[in-house]
Amino acid sequence: MKRVLAIFAKTPLPGRVKTRLSPPLSPRQAAELYRCMLLDIVERAAALPTDIVIFHEGSAEFFEKAAPGAVLVRQCTGGLGVRLEHAFQELSSRGYGPRVVIGTDSPDLPLAFIEEGFRRLEQGSEAVFGPAEDGGYYLVGVSGGYGTLFRDIPWSSEKVLEASLRQAAASGLAAALLPSWHDVDSYEDLLRPNLLETSSGAPRTRAFIAELGLAAPLAANAV
């Protein structure tokens, strides 16, 4: 069955995105960082052999320009678990089999990890998670039903992946894990050396972090 990659995203408005980075960043700077991360993800995802659907919050106008080749679907209201269920139901109703969802917090996420997620689903896994270093996950995918995969999860905590794996087991879903990766959620995350490497695949994010004047302390930390 045909595969699809869904991206959860918000319109990059000051005070609405990357609020954990304000301070030290101003709300406008945090919004610009988010915009750069989002555009990096969208551009890189376009190289994958899969349909792209963006589940967005806010006006669709920004996304019509930022991702002209993607299908746009407005996120439903409710918590993250409810919105994930809605997204997977919507994608299933559109005839997709392997369905993978990512966010915008990992602009340098290797495309090979996403490809591996699809491969696992196509070869027998019923759920797949990409573990994030903070205890959550940067990617989640299913090949069919999802049971209670998104119920009773302590979202925004270090227990998200642990609880999700328990729910997968309780739902009778064979789950696979991808290599771990990192999110950009805090000031410390901006100082991660490989994020500024030219090979990171996130040129807008890299350039904006450099403009913030973080390149010098980052280099010092790398010595």
Protein backbone atom coordinates (compact mmCIF):
# COMPACT_ATOMS: atom_id res chain seq x y z
CA MET A 1 0.00 0.00 0.00
CA LYS A 2 1.16 3.56 -0.61
CA ARG A 3 3.13 5.30 2.12
CA VAL A 4 2.81 8.81 3.52
CA LEU A 5 4.89 11.09 5.70
CA ALA A 6 2.91 13.54 7.82
CA ILE A 7 4.50 16.62 9.39
CA PHE A 8 2.94 18.29 12.42
CA ALA A 9 3.60 22.03 12.20
CA LYS A 10 2.45 25.42 13.42
CA THR A 11 2.42 28.81 11.75
CA PRO A 12 5.64 30.47 13.00
CA LEU A 13 4.17 33.34 15.01
CA PRO A 14 5.98 35.09 17.90
CA GLY A 15 4.75 33.85 21.26
CA ARG A 16 3.20 30.73 19.74
CA VAL A 17 6.23 28.57 18.93
CA LYS A 18 9.47 27.64 20.73
CA THR A 19 8.28 29.41 23.87
CA ARG A 20 10.75 27.42 26.00
CA LEU A 21 13.52 29.36 24.25
CA SER A 22 12.12 32.75 25.32
CA PRO A 23 14.24 33.84 27.11
CA PRO A 24 17.08 33.86 26.15
CA LEU A 25 15.65 34.38 22.66
CA SER A 26 13.02 37.01 22.05
CA PRO A 27 9.62 35.70 20.89
CA ARG A 28 10.42 37.01 17.40
CA GLN A 29 13.78 35.23 17.33
CA ALA A 30 12.18 32.02 18.57
CA ALA A 31 9.56 32.24 15.82
CA GLU A 32 12.25 32.79 13.19
CA LEU A 33 14.19 29.78 14.48
CA TYR A 34 11.04 27.68 14.23
CA ARG A 35 10.43 28.93 10.67
CA CYS A 36 13.96 27.92 9.67
CA MET A 37 13.58 24.47 11.24
CA LEU A 38 10.23 23.94 9.54
CA LEU A 39 11.50 24.97 6.11
CA ASP A 40 14.56 22.73 6.48
CA ILE A 41 12.37 19.75 7.33
CA VAL A 42 9.90 20.40 4.52
CA GLU A 43 12.62 20.82 1.89
CA ARG A 44 14.45 17.67 2.93
CA ALA A 45 11.29 15.58 3.22
CA ALA A 46 10.42 16.46 -0.39
CA ALA A 47 13.35 14.27 -1.48
CA LEU A 48 11.73 11.15 -0.01
CA PRO A 49 9.76 8.74 -2.22
CA THR A 50 6.53 9.32 -0.34
CA ASP A 51 3.51 11.59 -0.29
CA ILE A 52 3.74 14.52 2.14
CA VAL A 53 0.83 15.75 4.25
CA ILE A 54 1.22 18.70 6.61
CA PHE A 55 -1.12 18.77 9.58
CA HIS A 56 -0.98 22.43 10.52
CA GLU A 57 -2.14 24.79 13.23
CA GLY A 58 -3.02 28.33 12.19
CA SER A 59 -3.56 29.78 8.75
CA ALA A 60 -2.87 27.59 5.73
CA GLU A 61 -1.50 30.58 3.79
CA PHE A 62 2.04 30.21 5.13
CA PHE A 63 2.15 26.50 4.31
CA GLU A 64 0.74 26.97 0.81
CA LYS A 65 3.86 29.00 0.04
CA ALA A 66 6.33 27.02 2.15
CA ALA A 67 5.28 23.56 0.92
CA PRO A 68 3.51 23.93 -2.43
CA GLY A 69 3.73 20.21 -3.18
CA ALA A 70 2.24 19.02 0.13
CA VAL A 71 -1.35 18.26 1.02
CA LEU A 72 -2.53 20.51 3.86
CA VAL A 73 -4.88 19.34 6.61
CA ARG A 74 -5.80 21.45 9.62
CA GLN A 75 -5.05 19.80 12.95
CA CYS A 76 -8.06 19.05 15.10
CA THR A 77 -8.43 20.58 18.55
CA GLY A 78 -7.39 18.71 21.69
CA GLY A 79 -4.25 17.32 23.21
CA LEU A 80 -1.41 15.76 21.25
CA GLY A 81 -2.80 12.24 21.64
CA VAL A 82 -6.15 13.29 20.17
CA ARG A 83 -4.44 15.10 17.30
CA LEU A 84 -2.26 12.10 16.49
CA GLU A 85 -5.27 9.79 16.45
CA HIS A 86 -7.08 12.20 14.14
CA ALA A 87 -4.07 12.37 11.82
CA PHE A 88 -3.68 8.61 11.53
CA GLN A 89 -7.42 8.18 10.98
CA GLU A 90 -7.39 10.87 8.28
CA LEU A 91 -4.44 9.28 6.50
CA SER A 92 -6.05 5.85 6.66
CA SER A 93 -9.25 7.26 5.15
CA ARG A 94 -7.14 8.56 2.26
CA GLY A 95 -5.97 5.02 1.49
CA TYR A 96 -2.49 5.05 3.01
CA GLY A 97 -0.91 1.96 4.56
CA PRO A 98 2.44 2.75 6.21
CA ARG A 99 1.92 6.14 7.89
CA VAL A 100 4.73 8.02 9.60
CA VAL A 101 4.43 11.27 11.56
CA ILE A 102 7.25 13.64 12.49
CA GLY A 103 7.38 17.14 13.94
CA THR A 104 9.69 20.07 13.33
CA ASP A 105 11.97 19.79 16.38
CA SER A 106 14.69 17.78 14.62
CA PRO A 107 15.67 19.80 11.53
CA ASP A 108 18.80 17.70 10.97
CA LEU A 109 17.05 14.34 11.32
CA PRO A 110 18.74 11.91 8.89
CA LEU A 111 16.39 10.97 6.08
CA ALA A 112 17.73 7.42 6.39
CA PHE A 113 15.95 7.17 9.76
CA ILE A 114 12.61 8.02 8.16
CA GLU A 115 13.25 5.53 5.37
CA GLU A 116 14.09 2.89 7.96
CA GLY A 117 10.80 3.63 9.73
CA PHE A 118 8.87 2.92 6.56
CA ARG A 119 10.94 -0.21 5.91
CA ARG A 120 10.14 -1.59 9.36
CA LEU A 121 6.42 -1.01 8.82
CA GLU A 122 6.53 -2.60 5.39
CA GLN A 123 8.36 -5.65 6.70
CA GLY A 124 6.05 -6.57 9.55
CA SER A 125 6.30 -4.08 12.41
CA GLU A 126 2.91 -2.65 13.36
CA ALA A 127 4.30 0.43 15.09
CA VAL A 128 7.63 2.21 14.96
CA PHE A 129 9.17 4.87 17.20
CA GLY A 130 12.19 7.11 16.77
CA PRO A 131 13.46 7.67 20.33
CA ALA A 132 14.49 11.21 21.25
CA GLU A 133 17.23 11.79 23.79
CA ASP A 134 14.78 13.59 26.11
CA GLY A 135 12.63 10.48 26.60
CA GLY A 136 10.07 11.29 23.93
CA TYR A 137 10.12 10.39 20.27
CA TYR A 138 10.89 12.29 17.07
CA LEU A 139 8.90 9.89 14.86
CA VAL A 140 5.96 7.56 15.22
CA GLY A 141 4.42 5.34 12.58
CA VAL A 142 1.86 2.59 12.20
CA SER A 143 1.02 0.14 9.46
CA GLY A 144 -2.63 -0.40 10.37
CA GLY A 145 -4.61 0.24 13.54
CA TYR A 146 -3.08 1.96 16.57
CA GLY A 147 -5.16 0.69 19.49
CA THR A 148 -4.51 2.81 22.60
CA LEU A 149 -1.09 3.94 21.40
CA PHE A 150 -1.82 7.60 22.16
CA ARG A 151 -3.94 7.21 25.28
CA ASP A 152 -2.79 7.99 28.85
CA ILE A 153 0.62 9.29 27.74
CA PRO A 154 2.40 11.86 29.97
CA TRP A 155 3.12 14.21 27.09
CA SER A 156 6.03 16.65 27.43
CA SER A 157 7.76 14.41 29.95
CA GLU A 158 10.73 12.04 29.89
CA LYS A 159 8.29 9.11 30.14
CA VAL A 160 6.60 9.54 26.76
CA LEU A 161 8.39 6.74 24.91
CA GLU A 162 8.30 4.38 27.88
CA ALA A 163 4.53 4.83 28.27
CA SER A 164 3.98 4.56 24.50
CA LEU A 165 5.79 1.23 24.34
CA ARG A 166 3.59 -0.05 27.16
CA GLN A 167 0.51 1.03 25.24
CA ALA A 168 1.81 -0.66 22.10
CA ALA A 169 2.21 -3.91 24.03
CA ALA A 170 -1.23 -3.52 25.60
CA SER A 171 -2.70 -3.01 22.13
CA GLY A 172 -0.99 -6.10 20.77
CA LEU A 173 1.19 -4.09 18.39
CA ALA A 174 4.65 -5.34 17.45
CA ALA A 175 6.78 -2.20 17.88
CA ALA A 176 10.22 -1.40 16.45
CA LEU A 177 12.73 1.24 17.54
CA LEU A 178 14.87 3.40 15.27
CA PRO A 179 18.21 4.96 16.24
CA SER A 180 17.91 7.74 18.82
CA TRP A 181 18.18 11.40 17.82
CA HIS A 182 17.78 14.80 19.43
CA ASP A 183 15.24 17.61 19.45
CA VAL A 184 15.85 21.34 19.50
CA ASP A 185 13.81 22.40 22.52
CA SER A 186 16.19 24.29 24.79
CA TYR A 187 19.09 26.74 24.65
CA GLU A 188 21.48 23.85 25.31
CA ASP A 189 20.17 22.09 22.22
CA LEU A 190 21.28 25.06 20.11
CA LEU A 191 24.84 24.46 21.29
CA ARG A 192 24.98 20.93 19.90
CA PRO A 193 28.13 20.90 17.72
CA ASN A 194 26.84 18.75 14.86
CA LEU A 195 23.84 21.04 14.35
CA LEU A 196 26.18 23.67 12.88
CA GLU A 197 28.08 21.25 10.67
CA THR A 198 27.57 21.85 6.96
CA SER A 199 26.63 18.19 6.60
CA SER A 200 23.70 18.52 9.02
CA GLY A 201 21.18 19.07 6.23
CA ALA A 202 19.59 22.02 8.04
CA PRO A 203 21.13 25.08 6.33
CA ARG A 204 18.53 27.65 7.43
CA THR A 205 18.65 26.52 11.03
CA ARG A 206 22.44 26.47 10.97
CA ALA A 207 22.66 29.98 9.50
CA PHE A 208 20.18 31.44 11.96
CA ILE A 209 21.94 29.96 14.99
CA ALA A 210 25.20 31.43 13.67
CA GLU A 211 23.51 34.82 13.31
CA LEU A 212 22.49 34.64 16.97
CA GLY A 213 26.19 34.67 17.85
CA LEU A 214 26.21 31.12 19.20
CA ALA A 215 28.84 29.83 16.80
CA ALA A 216 31.76 31.09 18.94
CA PRO A 217 30.70 29.49 22.24
CA LEU A 218 29.70 26.34 20.35
CA ALA A 219 33.20 26.07 18.88
CA ALA A 220 34.70 26.59 22.32
CA ASN A 221 32.56 23.81 23.78
CA ALA A 222 33.65 21.47 20.98
CA VAL A 223 37.36 21.79 21.82
